[in-house]
């Protein structure tokens, strides 16, 4: 996933994987908005690993407290994802 807010999309994906006999113990995201996703996924036994989070951006003055949790702003970073098959 690219961004985690509450972890709902990751939870749905983990449920689908589980239906087919798989398990999910870790999810990696580019950015964690820190709106409960880490805690919510932790309750399901899924560790959330993020490249950046809201605290990182607050510390670098690239995000204000008013924008934390909002979904209508662009991240000040560009991420490049590579698919490995």
N, C-alpha and C. Protein backbone atom coordinates (compact mmCIF):
# COMPACT_ATOMS: atom_id res chain seq x y z
N UNK A 1 0.84 -1.18 0.00
CA UNK A 1 0.00 0.00 0.00
C UNK A 1 0.89 1.25 0.00
N UNK A 2 0.36 2.36 -0.46
CA UNK A 2 1.17 3.57 -0.48
C UNK A 2 1.00 4.40 0.78
N UNK A 3 -0.24 4.55 1.26
CA UNK A 3 -0.53 5.36 2.44
C UNK A 3 -1.43 4.57 3.37
N UNK A 4 -1.15 4.67 4.67
CA UNK A 4 -2.02 4.03 5.67
C UNK A 4 -2.66 5.12 6.52
N UNK A 5 -3.97 5.04 6.67
CA UNK A 5 -4.69 5.98 7.52
C UNK A 5 -5.22 5.23 8.75
N UNK A 6 -6.18 4.37 8.53
CA UNK A 6 -6.72 3.54 9.62
C UNK A 6 -6.42 2.06 9.43
N UNK A 7 -5.90 1.69 8.26
CA UNK A 7 -5.53 0.31 8.00
C UNK A 7 -6.62 -0.55 7.40
N UNK A 8 -7.74 0.05 7.01
CA UNK A 8 -8.87 -0.73 6.50
C UNK A 8 -8.55 -1.48 5.21
N UNK A 9 -7.88 -0.84 4.27
CA UNK A 9 -7.56 -1.51 3.00
C UNK A 9 -6.60 -2.67 3.21
N UNK A 10 -5.64 -2.47 4.10
CA UNK A 10 -4.69 -3.54 4.40
C UNK A 10 -5.42 -4.70 5.08
N UNK A 11 -6.34 -4.37 5.98
CA UNK A 11 -7.13 -5.40 6.66
C UNK A 11 -7.94 -6.21 5.64
N UNK A 12 -8.59 -5.53 4.69
CA UNK A 12 -9.37 -6.22 3.66
C UNK A 12 -8.49 -7.15 2.83
N UNK A 13 -7.33 -6.65 2.44
CA UNK A 13 -6.41 -7.47 1.64
C UNK A 13 -5.96 -8.69 2.44
N UNK A 14 -5.66 -8.51 3.72
CA UNK A 14 -5.24 -9.62 4.57
C UNK A 14 -6.35 -10.66 4.71
N UNK A 15 -7.60 -10.20 4.78
CA UNK A 15 -8.73 -11.13 4.88
C UNK A 15 -8.86 -11.97 3.60
N UNK A 16 -8.66 -11.34 2.46
CA UNK A 16 -8.74 -12.07 1.18
C UNK A 16 -7.61 -13.09 1.10
N UNK A 17 -6.42 -12.67 1.47
CA UNK A 17 -5.27 -13.59 1.45
C UNK A 17 -5.52 -14.77 2.38
N UNK A 18 -6.11 -14.48 3.53
CA UNK A 18 -6.43 -15.52 4.51
C UNK A 18 -7.43 -16.54 3.95
N UNK A 19 -8.41 -16.05 3.19
CA UNK A 19 -9.41 -16.95 2.59
C UNK A 19 -8.77 -17.98 1.65
N UNK A 20 -7.65 -17.61 1.08
CA UNK A 20 -6.95 -18.50 0.17
C UNK A 20 -5.81 -19.26 0.85
N UNK A 21 -5.80 -19.22 2.18
CA UNK A 21 -4.83 -20.00 2.93
C UNK A 21 -3.53 -19.29 3.27
N UNK A 22 -3.41 -18.05 2.88
CA UNK A 22 -2.19 -17.30 3.17
C UNK A 22 -2.27 -16.55 4.48
N UNK A 23 -1.17 -15.99 4.89
CA UNK A 23 -1.15 -15.17 6.10
C UNK A 23 -0.38 -13.89 5.81
N UNK A 24 -0.74 -12.85 6.53
CA UNK A 24 -0.06 -11.56 6.43
C UNK A 24 0.42 -11.19 7.82
N UNK A 25 1.72 -11.00 7.98
CA UNK A 25 2.23 -10.59 9.28
C UNK A 25 2.86 -9.20 9.25
N UNK A 26 3.10 -8.68 8.03
CA UNK A 26 3.74 -7.37 7.88
C UNK A 26 3.16 -6.66 6.66
N UNK A 27 2.96 -5.37 6.77
CA UNK A 27 2.56 -4.54 5.64
C UNK A 27 3.51 -3.36 5.57
N UNK A 28 3.98 -3.05 4.37
CA UNK A 28 4.91 -1.94 4.18
C UNK A 28 4.20 -0.84 3.40
N UNK A 29 4.26 0.37 3.93
CA UNK A 29 3.65 1.52 3.25
C UNK A 29 4.68 2.63 3.10
N UNK A 30 4.46 3.49 2.14
CA UNK A 30 5.34 4.64 1.94
C UNK A 30 5.13 5.67 3.04
N UNK A 31 3.87 5.87 3.47
CA UNK A 31 3.56 6.93 4.43
C UNK A 31 2.46 6.48 5.39
N UNK A 32 2.69 6.66 6.67
CA UNK A 32 1.70 6.37 7.71
C UNK A 32 1.18 7.69 8.24
N UNK A 33 -0.11 7.95 8.04
CA UNK A 33 -0.73 9.19 8.52
C UNK A 33 -0.85 9.21 10.05
N UNK A 34 -0.62 8.08 10.67
CA UNK A 34 -0.68 7.94 12.12
C UNK A 34 -2.07 8.25 12.69
N UNK A 35 -3.07 7.70 12.02
CA UNK A 35 -4.46 7.84 12.48
C UNK A 35 -5.01 6.53 13.02
N UNK A 36 -4.13 5.68 13.53
CA UNK A 36 -4.58 4.44 14.14
C UNK A 36 -4.27 3.19 13.34
N UNK A 37 -3.68 3.34 12.16
CA UNK A 37 -3.43 2.16 11.33
C UNK A 37 -2.49 1.17 12.01
N UNK A 38 -1.41 1.66 12.59
CA UNK A 38 -0.44 0.77 13.24
C UNK A 38 -1.10 0.00 14.37
N UNK A 39 -1.89 0.69 15.17
CA UNK A 39 -2.57 0.04 16.31
C UNK A 39 -3.65 -0.93 15.82
N UNK A 40 -4.47 -0.49 14.85
CA UNK A 40 -5.54 -1.36 14.34
C UNK A 40 -4.99 -2.63 13.72
N UNK A 41 -3.94 -2.51 12.94
CA UNK A 41 -3.34 -3.69 12.31
C UNK A 41 -2.63 -4.56 13.35
N UNK A 42 -2.04 -3.93 14.35
CA UNK A 42 -1.39 -4.68 15.42
C UNK A 42 -2.35 -5.61 16.13
N UNK A 43 -3.61 -5.18 16.28
CA UNK A 43 -4.63 -6.03 16.90
C UNK A 43 -4.90 -7.28 16.08
N UNK A 44 -4.58 -7.22 14.79
CA UNK A 44 -4.76 -8.36 13.89
C UNK A 44 -3.49 -9.17 13.73
N UNK A 45 -2.43 -8.76 14.43
CA UNK A 45 -1.16 -9.45 14.31
C UNK A 45 -0.35 -9.03 13.10
N UNK A 46 -0.69 -7.87 12.53
CA UNK A 46 0.02 -7.37 11.36
C UNK A 46 0.88 -6.18 11.77
N UNK A 47 2.17 -6.28 11.51
CA UNK A 47 3.08 -5.18 11.80
C UNK A 47 3.06 -4.20 10.63
N UNK A 48 2.93 -2.91 10.93
CA UNK A 48 2.97 -1.89 9.89
C UNK A 48 4.35 -1.25 9.89
N UNK A 49 4.99 -1.27 8.72
CA UNK A 49 6.30 -0.65 8.55
C UNK A 49 6.12 0.48 7.55
N UNK A 50 6.56 1.69 7.91
CA UNK A 50 6.41 2.82 6.99
C UNK A 50 7.76 3.47 6.70
N UNK A 51 7.90 3.96 5.46
CA UNK A 51 9.11 4.67 5.09
C UNK A 51 9.13 6.06 5.72
N UNK A 52 7.98 6.67 5.85
CA UNK A 52 7.82 7.98 6.49
C UNK A 52 6.51 7.97 7.26
N UNK A 53 6.42 8.87 8.24
CA UNK A 53 5.15 9.03 8.95
C UNK A 53 4.94 10.51 9.28
N UNK A 54 3.79 10.81 9.85
CA UNK A 54 3.43 12.20 10.13
C UNK A 54 4.45 12.87 11.04
N UNK A 55 5.00 12.14 12.01
CA UNK A 55 6.00 12.74 12.90
C UNK A 55 7.25 13.17 12.14
N UNK A 56 7.67 12.37 11.15
CA UNK A 56 8.82 12.74 10.33
C UNK A 56 8.59 14.08 9.65
N UNK A 57 7.38 14.24 9.08
CA UNK A 57 7.09 15.46 8.35
C UNK A 57 6.90 16.66 9.28
N UNK A 58 6.34 16.42 10.47
CA UNK A 58 6.24 17.50 11.44
C UNK A 58 7.61 17.98 11.87
N UNK A 59 8.51 17.05 12.12
CA UNK A 59 9.86 17.40 12.56
C UNK A 59 10.62 18.17 11.49
N UNK A 60 10.32 17.91 10.23
CA UNK A 60 11.02 18.59 9.14
C UNK A 60 10.29 19.85 8.68
N UNK A 61 9.21 20.21 9.38
CA UNK A 61 8.39 21.39 9.05
C UNK A 61 7.75 21.31 7.67
N UNK A 62 7.53 20.08 7.16
CA UNK A 62 6.88 19.91 5.87
C UNK A 62 5.39 19.61 6.04
N UNK A 63 4.95 19.54 7.28
CA UNK A 63 3.56 19.25 7.58
C UNK A 63 3.19 20.01 8.85
N UNK A 64 1.98 20.54 8.88
CA UNK A 64 1.51 21.22 10.08
C UNK A 64 0.54 20.30 10.83
N UNK A 65 0.37 20.55 12.11
CA UNK A 65 -0.54 19.73 12.91
C UNK A 65 -1.96 19.77 12.36
N UNK A 66 -2.33 20.88 11.72
CA UNK A 66 -3.67 21.00 11.16
C UNK A 66 -3.90 20.03 10.01
N UNK A 67 -2.84 19.64 9.32
CA UNK A 67 -2.99 18.76 8.16
C UNK A 67 -2.84 17.28 8.50
N UNK A 68 -2.41 16.95 9.71
CA UNK A 68 -2.30 15.54 10.07
C UNK A 68 -3.68 14.89 10.00
N UNK A 69 -3.75 13.77 9.34
CA UNK A 69 -5.02 13.05 9.24
C UNK A 69 -5.86 13.46 8.05
N UNK A 70 -5.58 14.61 7.47
CA UNK A 70 -6.32 15.02 6.29
C UNK A 70 -5.83 14.22 5.09
N UNK A 71 -6.72 13.95 4.20
CA UNK A 71 -6.35 13.16 3.02
C UNK A 71 -6.31 14.00 1.75
N UNK A 72 -6.47 15.31 1.89
CA UNK A 72 -6.54 16.16 0.70
C UNK A 72 -5.27 16.97 0.46
N UNK A 73 -4.14 16.50 0.96
CA UNK A 73 -2.89 17.19 0.68
C UNK A 73 -1.91 16.24 0.04
N UNK A 74 -1.01 16.79 -0.74
CA UNK A 74 0.00 15.99 -1.41
C UNK A 74 1.21 15.83 -0.50
N UNK A 75 1.76 14.64 -0.49
CA UNK A 75 2.99 14.42 0.27
C UNK A 75 4.14 15.16 -0.39
N UNK A 76 5.05 15.72 0.39
CA UNK A 76 6.17 16.45 -0.21
C UNK A 76 7.28 15.54 -0.71
N UNK A 77 6.98 14.27 -0.90
CA UNK A 77 7.96 13.31 -1.38
C UNK A 77 7.39 12.59 -2.58
N UNK A 78 8.24 12.13 -3.45
CA UNK A 78 7.83 11.24 -4.52
C UNK A 78 8.48 9.90 -4.24
N UNK A 79 7.70 8.85 -4.36
CA UNK A 79 8.19 7.52 -4.13
C UNK A 79 8.16 6.76 -5.44
N UNK A 80 9.16 5.97 -5.65
CA UNK A 80 9.21 5.11 -6.82
C UNK A 80 9.12 3.67 -6.34
N UNK A 81 8.16 2.96 -6.85
CA UNK A 81 7.96 1.58 -6.44
C UNK A 81 8.37 0.65 -7.59
N UNK A 82 9.04 -0.40 -7.28
CA UNK A 82 9.46 -1.38 -8.28
C UNK A 82 8.76 -2.70 -7.98
N UNK A 83 8.18 -3.28 -9.00
CA UNK A 83 7.52 -4.57 -8.83
C UNK A 83 8.53 -5.67 -9.07
N UNK A 84 8.59 -6.58 -8.13
CA UNK A 84 9.48 -7.73 -8.25
C UNK A 84 8.62 -8.96 -8.45
N UNK A 85 8.87 -9.68 -9.52
CA UNK A 85 8.04 -10.87 -9.76
C UNK A 85 8.93 -12.08 -9.94
